[in-house]
């Protein structure tokens, strides 16, 4: 009889896989701060090349941070999961030099569907954006041999 792998360990192994393969996250210098079953926290610093014509952080960069935290969280069970739909509401502007943190929490997960909420804040705790992602689980695993089914 095999024992079921620890959920935190599984999530960490999935994170290692993503860190090694996610070229977009690497280019934006996204940092994984924490991960576990159904949740992830990621952060980034707003660089000069992320500021738009209004001299604020481009919304697409904030979306990418939130979407990446969502991806880590919904894949944390070592099941291939993709975004089915997601949306974001920008509540405040982020500026050059700000440190943004995206905290993703699973709200619902059953069968092949999951609902995840992400809150993006700056270094003062000001909410910059709220994001909701709906995931769809596909067949397969990210890290082979890690899941006992």
N, C-alpha and C. Protein backbone atom coordinates (compact mmCIF):
# COMPACT_ATOMS: atom_id res chain seq x y z
N UNK A 1 0.84 -1.17 0.00
CA UNK A 1 0.00 0.00 0.00
C UNK A 1 0.89 1.24 0.00
N UNK A 2 0.68 2.13 -0.97
CA UNK A 2 1.49 3.34 -1.05
C UNK A 2 0.85 4.45 -0.24
N UNK A 3 1.70 5.32 0.28
CA UNK A 3 1.18 6.46 1.03
C UNK A 3 0.98 7.63 0.09
N UNK A 4 0.00 8.43 0.41
CA UNK A 4 -0.32 9.60 -0.41
C UNK A 4 0.73 10.69 -0.15
N UNK A 5 1.26 11.31 -1.22
CA UNK A 5 2.26 12.36 -1.04
C UNK A 5 1.67 13.56 -0.29
N UNK A 6 2.49 14.19 0.54
CA UNK A 6 2.10 15.39 1.27
C UNK A 6 1.75 16.51 0.28
N UNK A 7 0.60 17.17 0.51
CA UNK A 7 0.13 18.21 -0.41
C UNK A 7 1.09 19.35 -0.59
N UNK A 8 1.73 19.79 0.48
CA UNK A 8 2.70 20.90 0.40
C UNK A 8 3.90 20.47 -0.43
N UNK A 9 4.36 19.24 -0.24
CA UNK A 9 5.50 18.74 -1.02
C UNK A 9 5.14 18.65 -2.49
N UNK A 10 3.96 18.15 -2.80
CA UNK A 10 3.51 18.07 -4.20
C UNK A 10 3.50 19.47 -4.81
N UNK A 11 2.92 20.43 -4.11
CA UNK A 11 2.86 21.80 -4.62
C UNK A 11 4.27 22.37 -4.85
N UNK A 12 5.19 22.09 -3.96
CA UNK A 12 6.56 22.59 -4.10
C UNK A 12 7.26 21.96 -5.31
N UNK A 13 7.01 20.68 -5.55
CA UNK A 13 7.61 20.01 -6.72
C UNK A 13 7.03 20.59 -8.02
N UNK A 14 5.73 20.87 -8.02
CA UNK A 14 5.12 21.51 -9.19
C UNK A 14 5.73 22.89 -9.39
N UNK A 15 5.93 23.63 -8.31
CA UNK A 15 6.54 24.96 -8.40
C UNK A 15 7.94 24.87 -9.00
N UNK A 16 8.72 23.90 -8.59
CA UNK A 16 10.07 23.71 -9.15
C UNK A 16 9.99 23.49 -10.66
N UNK A 17 9.01 22.70 -11.08
CA UNK A 17 8.81 22.46 -12.52
C UNK A 17 8.49 23.78 -13.24
N UNK A 18 7.55 24.55 -12.70
CA UNK A 18 7.18 25.83 -13.33
C UNK A 18 8.35 26.81 -13.35
N UNK A 19 9.07 26.91 -12.26
CA UNK A 19 10.20 27.84 -12.19
C UNK A 19 11.22 27.50 -13.28
N UNK A 20 11.41 26.21 -13.52
CA UNK A 20 12.39 25.78 -14.53
C UNK A 20 11.89 25.97 -15.97
N UNK A 21 10.58 26.07 -16.17
CA UNK A 21 10.05 26.10 -17.54
C UNK A 21 9.31 27.38 -17.93
N UNK A 22 8.96 28.23 -16.98
CA UNK A 22 8.16 29.43 -17.26
C UNK A 22 9.05 30.60 -17.70
N UNK A 23 9.21 30.75 -18.99
CA UNK A 23 10.07 31.80 -19.53
C UNK A 23 9.47 33.20 -19.34
N UNK A 24 8.16 33.31 -19.40
CA UNK A 24 7.51 34.60 -19.21
C UNK A 24 7.72 35.11 -17.79
N UNK A 25 7.50 34.25 -16.82
CA UNK A 25 7.71 34.63 -15.42
C UNK A 25 9.16 35.00 -15.15
N UNK A 26 10.08 34.26 -15.75
CA UNK A 26 11.51 34.56 -15.58
C UNK A 26 11.84 35.93 -16.17
N UNK A 27 11.30 36.23 -17.34
CA UNK A 27 11.58 37.51 -17.99
C UNK A 27 11.07 38.68 -17.16
N UNK A 28 9.96 38.48 -16.47
CA UNK A 28 9.39 39.54 -15.63
C UNK A 28 9.97 39.51 -14.21
N UNK A 29 10.85 38.56 -13.94
CA UNK A 29 11.48 38.40 -12.63
C UNK A 29 10.44 38.19 -11.52
N UNK A 30 9.43 37.36 -11.84
CA UNK A 30 8.43 37.00 -10.84
C UNK A 30 9.09 36.10 -9.79
N UNK A 31 8.70 36.27 -8.56
CA UNK A 31 9.25 35.48 -7.47
C UNK A 31 8.13 34.73 -6.76
N UNK A 32 8.31 33.43 -6.61
CA UNK A 32 7.36 32.63 -5.85
C UNK A 32 7.70 32.75 -4.37
N UNK A 33 6.79 33.30 -3.58
CA UNK A 33 7.01 33.50 -2.16
C UNK A 33 6.52 32.33 -1.33
N UNK A 34 5.41 31.71 -1.75
CA UNK A 34 4.84 30.59 -0.99
C UNK A 34 3.90 29.81 -1.90
N UNK A 35 3.76 28.53 -1.63
CA UNK A 35 2.83 27.67 -2.38
C UNK A 35 2.39 26.52 -1.50
N UNK A 36 1.18 26.10 -1.71
CA UNK A 36 0.62 24.93 -1.04
C UNK A 36 -0.58 24.47 -1.84
N UNK A 37 -1.27 23.45 -1.38
CA UNK A 37 -2.44 22.97 -2.11
C UNK A 37 -3.50 24.06 -2.27
N UNK A 38 -3.72 24.49 -3.50
CA UNK A 38 -4.77 25.47 -3.79
C UNK A 38 -4.41 26.92 -3.51
N UNK A 39 -3.17 27.22 -3.21
CA UNK A 39 -2.81 28.62 -3.01
C UNK A 39 -1.38 28.89 -3.46
N UNK A 40 -1.11 30.15 -3.75
CA UNK A 40 0.24 30.58 -4.12
C UNK A 40 0.35 32.08 -3.87
N UNK A 41 1.55 32.50 -3.51
CA UNK A 41 1.86 33.91 -3.35
C UNK A 41 3.08 34.21 -4.21
N UNK A 42 2.96 35.23 -5.07
CA UNK A 42 4.05 35.63 -5.95
C UNK A 42 4.23 37.14 -5.85
N UNK A 43 5.45 37.59 -6.17
CA UNK A 43 5.71 39.02 -6.12
C UNK A 43 6.62 39.45 -7.27
N UNK A 44 6.62 40.75 -7.51
CA UNK A 44 7.50 41.34 -8.52
C UNK A 44 7.71 42.82 -8.18
N UNK A 45 8.81 43.34 -8.65
CA UNK A 45 9.07 44.78 -8.54
C UNK A 45 8.74 45.43 -9.87
N UNK A 46 8.10 46.58 -9.81
CA UNK A 46 7.75 47.31 -11.04
C UNK A 46 9.02 47.99 -11.56
N UNK A 47 9.48 47.51 -12.71
CA UNK A 47 10.69 48.02 -13.34
C UNK A 47 10.34 49.10 -14.36
N UNK A 48 11.35 49.78 -14.82
CA UNK A 48 11.20 50.85 -15.81
C UNK A 48 10.52 50.35 -17.09
N UNK A 49 10.83 49.13 -17.51
CA UNK A 49 10.24 48.59 -18.73
C UNK A 49 8.81 48.07 -18.53
N UNK A 50 8.25 48.24 -17.34
CA UNK A 50 6.88 47.82 -17.05
C UNK A 50 5.94 49.02 -16.93
N UNK A 51 6.47 50.22 -17.06
CA UNK A 51 5.69 51.45 -16.89
C UNK A 51 5.17 51.89 -18.25
N UNK A 52 3.90 52.29 -18.29
CA UNK A 52 3.28 52.69 -19.56
C UNK A 52 3.35 54.21 -19.77
N UNK A 53 2.63 54.70 -20.77
CA UNK A 53 2.64 56.12 -21.12
C UNK A 53 2.04 57.03 -20.05
N UNK A 54 1.32 56.48 -19.11
CA UNK A 54 0.77 57.26 -18.00
C UNK A 54 1.73 57.29 -16.81
N UNK A 55 2.89 56.68 -16.99
CA UNK A 55 3.92 56.59 -15.96
C UNK A 55 3.45 55.76 -14.75
N UNK A 56 2.61 54.74 -15.04
CA UNK A 56 2.17 53.77 -14.03
C UNK A 56 2.42 52.37 -14.59
N UNK A 57 2.36 51.38 -13.73
CA UNK A 57 2.59 50.01 -14.18
C UNK A 57 1.52 49.60 -15.19
N UNK A 58 1.95 49.05 -16.29
CA UNK A 58 1.03 48.57 -17.34
C UNK A 58 0.12 47.49 -16.76
N UNK A 59 -1.17 47.60 -17.02
CA UNK A 59 -2.14 46.64 -16.50
C UNK A 59 -1.85 45.21 -16.91
N UNK A 60 -1.27 45.02 -18.09
CA UNK A 60 -0.94 43.68 -18.55
C UNK A 60 0.11 43.01 -17.68
N UNK A 61 1.01 43.80 -17.12
CA UNK A 61 2.04 43.26 -16.23
C UNK A 61 1.41 42.82 -14.90
N UNK A 62 0.48 43.62 -14.40
CA UNK A 62 -0.22 43.27 -13.17
C UNK A 62 -1.07 42.02 -13.41
N UNK A 63 -1.74 41.96 -14.56
CA UNK A 63 -2.52 40.78 -14.92
C UNK A 63 -1.63 39.54 -14.96
N UNK A 64 -0.45 39.68 -15.56
CA UNK A 64 0.46 38.54 -15.66
C UNK A 64 0.89 38.04 -14.29
N UNK A 65 1.17 38.95 -13.36
CA UNK A 65 1.51 38.55 -12.00
C UNK A 65 0.36 37.77 -11.37
N UNK A 66 -0.86 38.31 -11.45
CA UNK A 66 -2.03 37.65 -10.88
C UNK A 66 -2.28 36.30 -11.56
N UNK A 67 -2.19 36.28 -12.87
CA UNK A 67 -2.43 35.05 -13.63
C UNK A 67 -1.39 33.99 -13.30
N UNK A 68 -0.17 34.40 -13.05
CA UNK A 68 0.88 33.44 -12.69
C UNK A 68 0.62 32.83 -11.32
N UNK A 69 0.22 33.65 -10.35
CA UNK A 69 -0.14 33.11 -9.03
C UNK A 69 -1.29 32.12 -9.17
N UNK A 70 -2.26 32.46 -10.00
CA UNK A 70 -3.40 31.58 -10.29
C UNK A 70 -2.91 30.27 -10.89
N UNK A 71 -1.99 30.34 -11.85
CA UNK A 71 -1.48 29.13 -12.50
C UNK A 71 -0.78 28.21 -11.49
N UNK A 72 0.05 28.79 -10.64
CA UNK A 72 0.73 27.98 -9.63
C UNK A 72 -0.29 27.33 -8.70
N UNK A 73 -1.29 28.10 -8.26
CA UNK A 73 -2.28 27.57 -7.32
C UNK A 73 -3.12 26.46 -7.93
N UNK A 74 -3.63 26.67 -9.14
CA UNK A 74 -4.54 25.66 -9.71
C UNK A 74 -3.80 24.42 -10.22
N UNK A 75 -2.49 24.52 -10.41
CA UNK A 75 -1.69 23.35 -10.79
C UNK A 75 -1.02 22.69 -9.60
N UNK A 76 -1.24 23.22 -8.40
CA UNK A 76 -0.52 22.76 -7.20
C UNK A 76 -0.82 21.32 -6.81
N UNK A 77 -1.85 20.74 -7.39
CA UNK A 77 -2.20 19.34 -7.10
C UNK A 77 -1.52 18.37 -8.06
N UNK A 78 -0.66 18.92 -8.93
CA UNK A 78 0.05 18.13 -9.95
C UNK A 78 -0.90 17.56 -11.01
N UNK A 79 -1.95 18.28 -11.28
CA UNK A 79 -2.85 17.97 -12.38
C UNK A 79 -2.72 19.13 -13.37
N UNK A 80 -2.63 18.84 -14.64
CA UNK A 80 -2.51 19.90 -15.63
C UNK A 80 -3.81 20.71 -15.63
N UNK A 81 -3.68 21.99 -15.31
CA UNK A 81 -4.84 22.88 -15.24
C UNK A 81 -4.53 24.15 -16.02
N UNK A 82 -5.52 24.65 -16.73
CA UNK A 82 -5.38 25.87 -17.51
C UNK A 82 -6.52 26.82 -17.16
N UNK A 83 -6.35 28.07 -17.54
CA UNK A 83 -7.41 29.06 -17.32
C UNK A 83 -8.52 28.83 -18.34
N UNK A 84 -9.73 28.76 -17.86
CA UNK A 84 -10.90 28.70 -18.72
C UNK A 84 -11.38 30.12 -18.98
N UNK A 85 -11.36 30.92 -17.93
CA UNK A 85 -11.70 32.34 -18.04
C UNK A 85 -11.11 33.05 -16.82
N UNK A 86 -10.86 34.32 -16.97
CA UNK A 86 -10.41 35.12 -15.83
C UNK A 86 -10.67 36.59 -16.12
N UNK A 87 -10.81 37.35 -15.03
CA UNK A 87 -10.99 38.79 -15.19
C UNK A 87 -10.28 39.51 -14.06
N UNK A 88 -10.06 40.78 -14.28
CA UNK A 88 -9.32 41.58 -13.31
C UNK A 88 -9.98 42.94 -13.19
N UNK A 89 -9.98 43.47 -11.99
CA UNK A 89 -10.44 44.82 -11.73
C UNK A 89 -9.28 45.58 -11.10
N UNK A 90 -8.86 46.67 -11.75
CA UNK A 90 -7.79 47.50 -11.23
C UNK A 90 -8.40 48.52 -10.28
N UNK A 91 -7.92 48.54 -9.04
CA UNK A 91 -8.49 49.41 -8.02
C UNK A 91 -7.62 50.62 -7.72
N UNK A 92 -6.32 50.49 -7.94
CA UNK A 92 -5.36 51.58 -7.73
C UNK A 92 -4.19 51.39 -8.70
N UNK A 93 -3.43 52.44 -8.90
CA UNK A 93 -2.27 52.38 -9.78
C UNK A 93 -1.04 51.93 -9.02
N UNK A 94 -0.17 51.22 -9.72
CA UNK A 94 1.15 50.88 -9.18
C UNK A 94 2.18 51.72 -9.92
N UNK A 95 3.23 52.07 -9.22
CA UNK A 95 4.24 52.96 -9.77
C UNK A 95 5.60 52.28 -9.88
N UNK A 96 6.48 52.90 -10.64
CA UNK A 96 7.85 52.44 -10.77
C UNK A 96 8.45 52.25 -9.38
N UNK A 97 9.07 51.09 -9.15
CA UNK A 97 9.70 50.80 -7.86
C UNK A 97 8.81 50.10 -6.86
N UNK A 98 7.50 50.09 -7.11
CA UNK A 98 6.60 49.39 -6.19
C UNK A 98 6.90 47.90 -6.20
N UNK A 99 6.70 47.27 -5.06
CA UNK A 99 6.81 45.81 -4.94
C UNK A 99 5.39 45.28 -4.83
N UNK A 100 4.97 44.53 -5.83
CA UNK A 100 3.61 44.01 -5.88
C UNK A 100 3.60 42.55 -5.44
N UNK A 101 2.57 42.19 -4.68
CA UNK A 101 2.40 40.82 -4.21
C UNK A 101 1.01 40.34 -4.61
N UNK A 102 0.96 39.15 -5.21
CA UNK A 102 -0.30 38.52 -5.60
C UNK A 102 -0.53 37.29 -4.73
N UNK A 103 -1.63 37.30 -4.00
CA UNK A 103 -1.99 36.16 -3.15
C UNK A 103 -3.21 35.49 -3.78
N UNK A 104 -3.04 34.22 -4.14
CA UNK A 104 -4.12 33.46 -4.78
C UNK A 104 -4.64 32.40 -3.82
N UNK A 105 -5.95 32.37 -3.66
CA UNK A 105 -6.62 31.38 -2.80
C UNK A 105 -7.70 30.67 -3.59
N UNK A 106 -7.73 29.36 -3.44
CA UNK A 106 -8.77 28.54 -4.05
C UNK A 106 -10.08 28.78 -3.31
N UNK A 107 -11.14 29.04 -4.05
CA UNK A 107 -12.46 29.21 -3.46
C UNK A 107 -13.32 27.98 -3.64
N UNK A 108 -13.08 27.25 -4.72
CA UNK A 108 -13.89 26.06 -5.03
C UNK A 108 -13.07 25.17 -5.95
N UNK A 109 -13.11 23.86 -5.68
CA UNK A 109 -12.45 22.91 -6.56
C UNK A 109 -13.21 21.60 -6.49
N UNK A 110 -13.74 21.20 -7.62
CA UNK A 110 -14.47 19.93 -7.68
C UNK A 110 -14.40 19.42 -9.11
N UNK A 111 -14.11 18.15 -9.24
CA UNK A 111 -14.01 17.57 -10.57
C UNK A 111 -12.93 18.28 -11.37
N UNK A 112 -13.30 18.77 -12.53
CA UNK A 112 -12.33 19.43 -13.41
C UNK A 112 -12.36 20.95 -13.31
N UNK A 113 -13.18 21.51 -12.44
CA UNK A 113 -13.34 22.97 -12.36
C UNK A 113 -12.84 23.52 -11.03
N UNK A 114 -12.29 24.72 -11.08
CA UNK A 114 -11.84 25.40 -9.88
C UNK A 114 -12.07 26.89 -10.00
N UNK A 115 -12.28 27.54 -8.87
CA UNK A 115 -12.45 28.99 -8.81
C UNK A 115 -11.39 29.53 -7.86
N UNK A 116 -10.65 30.53 -8.33
CA UNK A 116 -9.53 31.08 -7.57
C UNK A 116 -9.61 32.60 -7.56
N UNK A 117 -9.37 33.18 -6.39
CA UNK A 117 -9.32 34.64 -6.26
C UNK A 117 -7.91 35.08 -5.94
N UNK A 118 -7.50 36.17 -6.59
CA UNK A 118 -6.17 36.74 -6.39
C UNK A 118 -6.33 38.19 -5.99
N UNK A 119 -5.63 38.59 -4.95
CA UNK A 119 -5.56 40.00 -4.57
C UNK A 119 -4.12 40.45 -4.77
N UNK A 120 -3.95 41.55 -5.52
CA UNK A 120 -2.63 42.12 -5.76
C UNK A 120 -2.53 43.39 -4.91
N UNK A 121 -1.49 43.46 -4.09
CA UNK A 121 -1.26 44.62 -3.23
C UNK A 121 0.14 45.17 -3.47
N UNK A 122 0.35 46.42 -3.05
CA UNK A 122 1.69 46.98 -3.11
C UNK A 122 2.36 46.82 -1.74
N UNK A 123 3.54 47.37 -1.61
CA UNK A 123 4.33 47.20 -0.39
C UNK A 123 3.70 47.85 0.83
N UNK A 124 2.73 48.73 0.65
CA UNK A 124 2.04 49.35 1.79
C UNK A 124 0.78 48.60 2.18
N UNK A 125 0.39 47.59 1.38
CA UNK A 125 -0.85 46.86 1.62
C UNK A 125 -2.03 47.39 0.83
N UNK A 126 -1.79 48.43 0.04
CA UNK A 126 -2.85 48.99 -0.80
C UNK A 126 -3.24 47.99 -1.89
N UNK A 127 -4.54 47.73 -2.03
CA UNK A 127 -5.00 46.81 -3.07
C UNK A 127 -4.88 47.48 -4.43
N UNK A 128 -4.14 46.84 -5.32
CA UNK A 128 -3.91 47.34 -6.68
C UNK A 128 -4.91 46.70 -7.64
N UNK A 129 -5.25 45.44 -7.43
CA UNK A 129 -6.16 44.74 -8.33
C UNK A 129 -6.75 43.51 -7.64
N UNK A 130 -7.94 43.13 -8.10
CA UNK A 130 -8.55 41.86 -7.72
C UNK A 130 -8.84 41.08 -8.99
N UNK A 131 -8.57 39.81 -8.94
CA UNK A 131 -8.58 38.93 -10.11
C UNK A 131 -9.33 37.67 -9.72
N UNK A 132 -10.15 37.18 -10.63
CA UNK A 132 -10.80 35.87 -10.42
C UNK A 132 -10.51 35.02 -11.64
N UNK A 133 -10.04 33.79 -11.36
CA UNK A 133 -9.75 32.84 -12.43
C UNK A 133 -10.55 31.57 -12.25
N UNK A 134 -11.05 31.06 -13.36
CA UNK A 134 -11.75 29.78 -13.39
C UNK A 134 -10.83 28.81 -14.13
N UNK A 135 -10.50 27.71 -13.47
CA UNK A 135 -9.58 26.74 -14.08
C UNK A 135 -10.34 25.54 -14.62
N UNK A 136 -9.68 24.88 -15.55
CA UNK A 136 -10.18 23.63 -16.12
C UNK A 136 -9.03 22.64 -16.08
N UNK A 137 -9.26 21.50 -15.43
CA UNK A 137 -8.22 20.47 -15.34
C UNK A 137 -8.28 19.59 -16.58
N UNK A 138 -7.12 19.35 -17.16
CA UNK A 138 -6.98 18.48 -18.32
C UNK A 138 -6.39 17.15 -17.87
N UNK A 139 -6.10 16.27 -18.78
CA UNK A 139 -5.49 15.00 -18.40
C UNK A 139 -3.98 15.20 -18.21
N UNK A 140 -3.41 14.36 -17.39
CA UNK A 140 -1.97 14.36 -17.22
C UNK A 140 -1.50 15.07 -15.96
N UNK A 141 -0.21 14.89 -15.71
CA UNK A 141 0.46 15.47 -14.55
C UNK A 141 1.63 16.30 -15.02
N UNK A 142 2.02 17.27 -14.25
CA UNK A 142 3.19 18.10 -14.57
C UNK A 142 4.47 17.37 -14.20
N UNK A 143 4.48 16.73 -13.03
CA UNK A 143 5.66 16.02 -12.55
C UNK A 143 5.29 14.55 -12.48
N UNK A 144 5.84 13.75 -13.38
CA UNK A 144 5.50 12.32 -13.43
C UNK A 144 6.05 11.61 -12.19
N UNK A 145 5.30 10.61 -11.73
CA UNK A 145 5.73 9.79 -10.61
C UNK A 145 5.48 10.41 -9.25
N UNK A 146 4.90 11.59 -9.22
CA UNK A 146 4.69 12.28 -7.95
C UNK A 146 3.31 11.98 -7.37
N UNK A 147 2.32 11.74 -8.23
CA UNK A 147 0.97 11.48 -7.79
C UNK A 147 0.73 9.98 -7.82
N UNK A 148 0.07 9.46 -6.83
CA UNK A 148 -0.07 8.00 -6.69
C UNK A 148 -1.32 7.42 -7.36
N UNK A 149 -1.83 8.10 -8.38
CA UNK A 149 -2.99 7.52 -9.08
C UNK A 149 -2.71 7.24 -10.52
